[in-house]
Amino acid sequence: MGRLLVIDGASCSGKSTVVRRLLALPEHDLVLAKRYTTRAPRAGDEVEDNYYFVDAETYQEMVAADAFLEHKDYLFGMSYGLPRQETADLLARHAWVLALINLGRFAVVKAYLPDAFGVLLTVPVPTIERRLRARGISTEAQIAERLENAARSFGYAPDYDLVLDNDDGRLEAVLARVQALLDG
């Protein structure tokens, strides 16, 4: 059985970039556990392979059926969940399974998979705000909620196995630390 490697952090902390770069490493048996989301696909988004896009009704049926390892509904109208069975199936076939989860929900995942390894990416709130605004896809209400979540992210650090600063210019150092974990 494989091991789950969770990459977590606030919006615009670099989770998708880290995952994309890790999946490109040829020397590791890595695969991504895709999440379900009610958000619409983004035009030109390079990480659409990270999600299954479903409507709110389908998502709520999955919640009612306990189909998620962890899930969360956000105030700004989007919901995300990591599928329980699909993740278990991937763990049965691969050495490492990468997963993105909802910020601060690693304890929920760890309760189900005690040997899961959690990496929390932290980024200063002003950097998060700059990155969110540069994306140009969020409303002011969405930015406000995401900035509040980012400010709370530092409080989740004790729940994770590894906390890495992914501020501007730190990506290569973050990748080196995670790759060292994969190497053993």
C-alpha atoms as a PDB file:
ATOM      1  CA  MET A   1       0.000   0.000   0.000  1.00  0.00           C
ATOM      2  CA  GLY A   2       1.210   3.466  -0.868  1.00  0.00           C
ATOM      3  CA  ARG A   3       1.456   6.548   1.250  1.00  0.00           C
ATOM      4  CA  LEU A   4      -0.579   9.737   0.940  1.00  0.00           C
ATOM      5  CA  LEU A   5       1.386  12.970   0.604  1.00  0.00           C
ATOM      6  CA  VAL A   6      -0.886  15.924   1.281  1.00  0.00           C
ATOM      7  CA  ILE A   7       0.052  19.348  -0.030  1.00  0.00           C
ATOM      8  CA  ASP A   8      -1.962  22.040   1.723  1.00  0.00           C
ATOM      9  CA  GLY A   9      -1.985  25.790   2.083  1.00  0.00           C
ATOM     10  CA  ALA A  10      -4.064  28.880   1.538  1.00  0.00           C
ATOM     11  CA  SER A  11      -5.281  29.971  -1.880  1.00  0.00           C
ATOM     12  CA  CYS A  12      -2.309  31.128  -3.978  1.00  0.00           C
ATOM     13  CA  SER A  13       0.222  29.441  -1.683  1.00  0.00           C
ATOM     14  CA  GLY A  14       1.580  27.483  -4.643  1.00  0.00           C
ATOM     15  CA  LYS A  15      -0.032  24.084  -4.008  1.00  0.00           C
ATOM     16  CA  SER A  16      -0.887  23.389  -7.642  1.00  0.00           C
ATOM     17  CA  THR A  17       2.539  24.522  -8.831  1.00  0.00           C
ATOM     18  CA  VAL A  18       4.269  22.231  -6.324  1.00  0.00           C
ATOM     19  CA  VAL A  19       2.049  19.291  -7.294  1.00  0.00           C
ATOM     20  CA  ARG A  20       2.578  19.872 -11.019  1.00  0.00           C
ATOM     21  CA  ARG A  21       6.358  19.961 -10.542  1.00  0.00           C
ATOM     22  CA  LEU A  22       6.354  16.848  -8.321  1.00  0.00           C
ATOM     23  CA  LEU A  23       4.275  14.899 -10.831  1.00  0.00           C
ATOM     24  CA  ALA A  24       6.881  15.730 -13.481  1.00  0.00           C
ATOM     25  CA  LEU A  25       9.598  13.894 -11.512  1.00  0.00           C
ATOM     26  CA  PRO A  26      10.284  10.733 -13.534  1.00  0.00           C
ATOM     27  CA  GLU A  27      12.018   8.815 -10.768  1.00  0.00           C
ATOM     28  CA  HIS A  28       9.040   8.469  -8.422  1.00  0.00           C
ATOM     29  CA  ASP A  29       5.844   6.422  -8.573  1.00  0.00           C
ATOM     30  CA  LEU A  30       3.615   9.464  -8.011  1.00  0.00           C
ATOM     31  CA  VAL A  31      -0.004   9.961  -8.932  1.00  0.00           C
ATOM     32  CA  LEU A  32      -2.537  12.643  -8.047  1.00  0.00           C
ATOM     33  CA  ALA A  33      -5.804  11.970  -6.247  1.00  0.00           C
ATOM     34  CA  LYS A  34      -8.150  14.361  -8.007  1.00  0.00           C
ATOM     35  CA  ARG A  35     -10.638  16.379  -5.960  1.00  0.00           C
ATOM     36  CA  TYR A  36     -14.277  17.042  -6.673  1.00  0.00           C
ATOM     37  CA  THR A  37     -15.358  20.665  -6.879  1.00  0.00           C
ATOM     38  CA  THR A  38     -18.443  22.683  -7.632  1.00  0.00           C
ATOM     39  CA  ARG A  39     -16.412  25.548  -9.058  1.00  0.00           C
ATOM     40  CA  ALA A  40     -16.453  26.119 -12.801  1.00  0.00           C
ATOM     41  CA  PRO A  41     -13.364  25.248 -14.842  1.00  0.00           C
ATOM     42  CA  ARG A  42     -11.109  28.264 -15.379  1.00  0.00           C
ATOM     43  CA  ALA A  43     -10.227  29.294 -18.921  1.00  0.00           C
ATOM     44  CA  GLY A  44      -6.563  28.614 -19.558  1.00  0.00           C
ATOM     45  CA  ASP A  45      -6.113  26.923 -16.174  1.00  0.00           C
ATOM     46  CA  GLU A  46      -3.196  24.494 -16.372  1.00  0.00           C
ATOM     47  CA  VAL A  47      -4.360  22.409 -13.408  1.00  0.00           C
ATOM     48  CA  GLU A  48      -7.793  21.294 -14.594  1.00  0.00           C
ATOM     49  CA  ASP A  49      -6.580  17.709 -14.363  1.00  0.00           C
ATOM     50  CA  ASN A  50      -6.617  18.232 -10.576  1.00  0.00           C
ATOM     51  CA  TYR A  51     -10.422  18.247 -10.395  1.00  0.00           C
ATOM     52  CA  TYR A  52     -13.644  16.520 -11.244  1.00  0.00           C
ATOM     53  CA  PHE A  53     -16.190  19.280 -11.876  1.00  0.00           C
ATOM     54  CA  VAL A  54     -19.680  18.522 -10.575  1.00  0.00           C
ATOM     55  CA  ASP A  55     -22.820  20.483  -9.851  1.00  0.00           C
ATOM     56  CA  ALA A  56     -23.836  21.344  -6.283  1.00  0.00           C
ATOM     57  CA  GLU A  57     -26.540  18.666  -6.182  1.00  0.00           C
ATOM     58  CA  THR A  58     -24.127  15.865  -7.150  1.00  0.00           C
ATOM     59  CA  TYR A  59     -21.591  17.161  -4.644  1.00  0.00           C
ATOM     60  CA  GLN A  60     -24.152  17.216  -1.809  1.00  0.00           C
ATOM     61  CA  GLU A  61     -25.228  13.668  -2.686  1.00  0.00           C
ATOM     62  CA  MET A  62     -21.582  12.620  -2.324  1.00  0.00           C
ATOM     63  CA  VAL A  63     -21.352  14.358   1.061  1.00  0.00           C
ATOM     64  CA  ALA A  64     -24.517  12.560   2.209  1.00  0.00           C
ATOM     65  CA  ALA A  65     -23.053   9.239   1.034  1.00  0.00           C
ATOM     66  CA  ASP A  66     -19.831   9.874   3.033  1.00  0.00           C
ATOM     67  CA  ALA A  67     -17.862   9.673  -0.220  1.00  0.00           C
ATOM     68  CA  PHE A  68     -15.139  12.131   0.871  1.00  0.00           C
ATOM     69  CA  LEU A  69     -12.088  11.725   3.089  1.00  0.00           C
ATOM     70  CA  GLU A  70     -12.472  15.434   3.754  1.00  0.00           C
ATOM     71  CA  HIS A  71     -14.571  18.196   2.239  1.00  0.00           C
ATOM     72  CA  LYS A  72     -15.491  21.824   2.768  1.00  0.00           C
ATOM     73  CA  ASP A  73     -18.040  24.331   1.525  1.00  0.00           C
ATOM     74  CA  TYR A  74     -16.768  27.900   1.272  1.00  0.00           C
ATOM     75  CA  LEU A  75     -18.740  31.090   1.771  1.00  0.00           C
ATOM     76  CA  PHE A  76     -17.928  32.195  -1.767  1.00  0.00           C
ATOM     77  CA  GLY A  77     -20.008  29.348  -3.179  1.00  0.00           C
ATOM     78  CA  MET A  78     -17.426  26.737  -4.063  1.00  0.00           C
ATOM     79  CA  SER A  79     -17.046  23.315  -2.491  1.00  0.00           C
ATOM     80  CA  TYR A  80     -14.156  20.855  -2.610  1.00  0.00           C
ATOM     81  CA  GLY A  81     -13.765  17.242  -1.495  1.00  0.00           C
ATOM     82  CA  LEU A  82     -11.145  14.498  -1.652  1.00  0.00           C
ATOM     83  CA  PRO A  83     -12.827  11.218  -2.669  1.00  0.00           C
ATOM     84  CA  ARG A  84     -12.439   8.366  -0.211  1.00  0.00           C
ATOM     85  CA  GLN A  85     -12.679   5.307  -2.500  1.00  0.00           C
ATOM     86  CA  GLU A  86     -10.709   6.704  -5.434  1.00  0.00           C
ATOM     87  CA  THR A  87      -7.892   7.715  -3.081  1.00  0.00           C
ATOM     88  CA  ALA A  88      -7.858   4.247  -1.500  1.00  0.00           C
ATOM     89  CA  ASP A  89      -7.734   2.648  -4.966  1.00  0.00           C
ATOM     90  CA  LEU A  90      -4.745   4.806  -5.924  1.00  0.00           C
ATOM     91  CA  LEU A  91      -2.952   3.981  -2.669  1.00  0.00           C
ATOM     92  CA  ALA A  92      -3.359   0.290  -3.463  1.00  0.00           C
ATOM     93  CA  ARG A  93      -1.500   0.752  -6.776  1.00  0.00           C
ATOM     94  CA  HIS A  94       1.141   3.450  -6.208  1.00  0.00           C
ATOM     95  CA  ALA A  95       4.032   4.140  -3.824  1.00  0.00           C
ATOM     96  CA  TRP A  96       2.991   7.761  -3.318  1.00  0.00           C
ATOM     97  CA  VAL A  97      -0.335   9.485  -3.898  1.00  0.00           C
ATOM     98  CA  LEU A  98      -0.385  13.278  -3.892  1.00  0.00           C
ATOM     99  CA  ALA A  99      -3.459  15.106  -2.695  1.00  0.00           C
ATOM    100  CA  LEU A 100      -4.532  18.695  -2.376  1.00  0.00           C
ATOM    101  CA  ILE A 101      -6.980  19.237   0.454  1.00  0.00           C
ATOM    102  CA  ASN A 102      -8.959  22.023   2.054  1.00  0.00           C
ATOM    103  CA  LEU A 103      -6.884  24.259   4.277  1.00  0.00           C
ATOM    104  CA  GLY A 104      -6.541  22.981   7.814  1.00  0.00           C
ATOM    105  CA  ARG A 105      -8.282  19.646   7.221  1.00  0.00           C
ATOM    106  CA  PHE A 106      -5.196  17.436   7.496  1.00  0.00           C
ATOM    107  CA  ALA A 107      -6.225  16.133  10.933  1.00  0.00           C
ATOM    108  CA  VAL A 108      -9.380  14.692   9.325  1.00  0.00           C
ATOM    109  CA  VAL A 109      -7.308  12.919   6.660  1.00  0.00           C
ATOM    110  CA  LYS A 110      -4.769  11.723   9.241  1.00  0.00           C
ATOM    111  CA  ALA A 111      -7.551  10.161  11.340  1.00  0.00           C
ATOM    112  CA  TYR A 112      -8.505   8.012   8.342  1.00  0.00           C
ATOM    113  CA  LEU A 113      -4.951   7.406   7.039  1.00  0.00           C
ATOM    114  CA  PRO A 114      -2.560   7.585  10.027  1.00  0.00           C
ATOM    115  CA  ASP A 115       0.592   7.277   7.912  1.00  0.00           C
ATOM    116  CA  ALA A 116      -0.357  10.202   5.642  1.00  0.00           C
ATOM    117  CA  PHE A 117       2.333  12.880   5.466  1.00  0.00           C
ATOM    118  CA  GLY A 118       1.177  16.489   5.488  1.00  0.00           C
ATOM    119  CA  VAL A 119       3.047  19.447   4.018  1.00  0.00           C
ATOM    120  CA  LEU A 120       1.697  22.911   4.784  1.00  0.00           C
ATOM    121  CA  LEU A 121       2.831  25.692   2.459  1.00  0.00           C
ATOM    122  CA  THR A 122       2.838  29.056   4.198  1.00  0.00           C
ATOM    123  CA  VAL A 123       3.040  32.405   2.462  1.00  0.00           C
ATOM    124  CA  PRO A 124       2.778  35.894   3.996  1.00  0.00           C
ATOM    125  CA  VAL A 125      -0.738  37.319   3.658  1.00  0.00           C
ATOM    126  CA  PRO A 126       0.406  40.352   1.592  1.00  0.00           C
ATOM    127  CA  THR A 127       1.958  37.970  -0.950  1.00  0.00           C
ATOM    128  CA  ILE A 128      -1.285  35.953  -1.063  1.00  0.00           C
ATOM    129  CA  GLU A 129      -3.259  39.142  -1.690  1.00  0.00           C
ATOM    130  CA  ARG A 130      -0.929  40.212  -4.503  1.00  0.00           C
ATOM    131  CA  ARG A 131      -1.165  36.758  -6.124  1.00  0.00           C
ATOM    132  CA  LEU A 132      -4.974  36.675  -5.801  1.00  0.00           C
ATOM    133  CA  ARG A 133      -5.334  40.098  -7.383  1.00  0.00           C
ATOM    134  CA  ALA A 134      -2.906  39.170 -10.175  1.00  0.00           C
ATOM    135  CA  ARG A 135      -5.095  36.170 -11.048  1.00  0.00           C
ATOM    136  CA  GLY A 136      -7.951  38.587 -11.704  1.00  0.00           C
ATOM    137  CA  ILE A 137     -10.696  35.992 -11.220  1.00  0.00           C
ATOM    138  CA  SER A 138     -11.937  36.626  -7.665  1.00  0.00           C
ATOM    139  CA  THR A 139     -14.516  39.054  -6.377  1.00  0.00           C
ATOM    140  CA  GLU A 140     -13.646  41.321  -3.452  1.00  0.00           C
ATOM    141  CA  ALA A 141     -15.729  39.055  -1.168  1.00  0.00           C
ATOM    142  CA  GLN A 142     -13.830  35.995  -2.358  1.00  0.00           C
ATOM    143  CA  ILE A 143     -10.499  37.752  -1.848  1.00  0.00           C
ATOM    144  CA  ALA A 144     -11.528  38.782   1.668  1.00  0.00           C
ATOM    145  CA  GLU A 145     -12.500  35.204   2.588  1.00  0.00           C
ATOM    146  CA  ARG A 146      -9.311  33.785   1.120  1.00  0.00           C
ATOM    147  CA  LEU A 147      -7.177  36.327   2.965  1.00  0.00           C
ATOM    148  CA  GLU A 148      -8.898  35.436   6.240  1.00  0.00           C
ATOM    149  CA  ASN A 149      -8.178  31.765   5.531  1.00  0.00           C
ATOM    150  CA  ALA A 150      -4.547  32.616   4.733  1.00  0.00           C
ATOM    151  CA  ALA A 151      -4.162  34.472   8.032  1.00  0.00           C
ATOM    152  CA  ARG A 152      -5.516  31.410   9.885  1.00  0.00           C
ATOM    153  CA  SER A 153      -3.240  29.005   7.987  1.00  0.00           C
ATOM    154  CA  PHE A 154      -0.278  29.601  10.305  1.00  0.00           C
ATOM    155  CA  GLY A 155      -2.353  28.296  13.237  1.00  0.00           C
ATOM    156  CA  TYR A 156      -2.711  24.903  11.536  1.00  0.00           C
ATOM    157  CA  ALA A 157       1.057  24.335  11.405  1.00  0.00           C
ATOM    158  CA  PRO A 158       1.211  21.965  14.442  1.00  0.00           C
ATOM    159  CA  ASP A 159      -1.092  19.503  12.616  1.00  0.00           C
ATOM    160  CA  TYR A 160       1.365  18.987   9.740  1.00  0.00           C
ATOM    161  CA  ASP A 161       4.531  16.941   9.436  1.00  0.00           C
ATOM    162  CA  LEU A 162       6.388  19.623   7.484  1.00  0.00           C
ATOM    163  CA  VAL A 163       5.762  23.365   7.187  1.00  0.00           C
ATOM    164  CA  LEU A 164       7.506  25.173   4.341  1.00  0.00           C
ATOM    165  CA  ASP A 165       7.659  28.870   3.498  1.00  0.00           C
ATOM    166  CA  ASN A 166       6.666  29.236  -0.168  1.00  0.00           C
ATOM    167  CA  ASP A 167       7.001  32.997  -0.464  1.00  0.00           C
ATOM    168  CA  ASP A 168       8.303  34.426  -3.730  1.00  0.00           C
ATOM    169  CA  GLY A 169      11.670  32.955  -4.649  1.00  0.00           C
ATOM    170  CA  ARG A 170      11.306  29.906  -2.363  1.00  0.00           C
ATOM    171  CA  LEU A 171       9.750  27.382  -4.767  1.00  0.00           C
ATOM    172  CA  GLU A 172      12.951  25.506  -5.581  1.00  0.00           C
ATOM    173  CA  ALA A 173      13.791  25.120  -1.873  1.00  0.00           C
ATOM    174  CA  VAL A 174      10.269  23.822  -1.207  1.00  0.00           C
ATOM    175  CA  LEU A 175      10.552  21.317  -4.046  1.00  0.00           C
ATOM    176  CA  ALA A 176      13.961  20.137  -2.830  1.00  0.00           C
ATOM    177  CA  ARG A 177      12.596  19.452   0.671  1.00  0.00           C
ATOM    178  CA  VAL A 178       9.601  17.502  -0.636  1.00  0.00           C
ATOM    179  CA  GLN A 179      11.741  15.567  -3.119  1.00  0.00           C
ATOM    180  CA  ALA A 180      14.088  14.622  -0.270  1.00  0.00           C
ATOM    181  CA  LEU A 181      11.067  13.139   1.523  1.00  0.00           C
ATOM    182  CA  LEU A 182      10.156  11.116  -1.556  1.00  0.00           C
ATOM    183  CA  ASP A 183      13.735   9.925  -1.938  1.00  0.00           C
ATOM    184  CA  GLY A 184      13.510   8.447   1.429  1.00  0.00           C
END
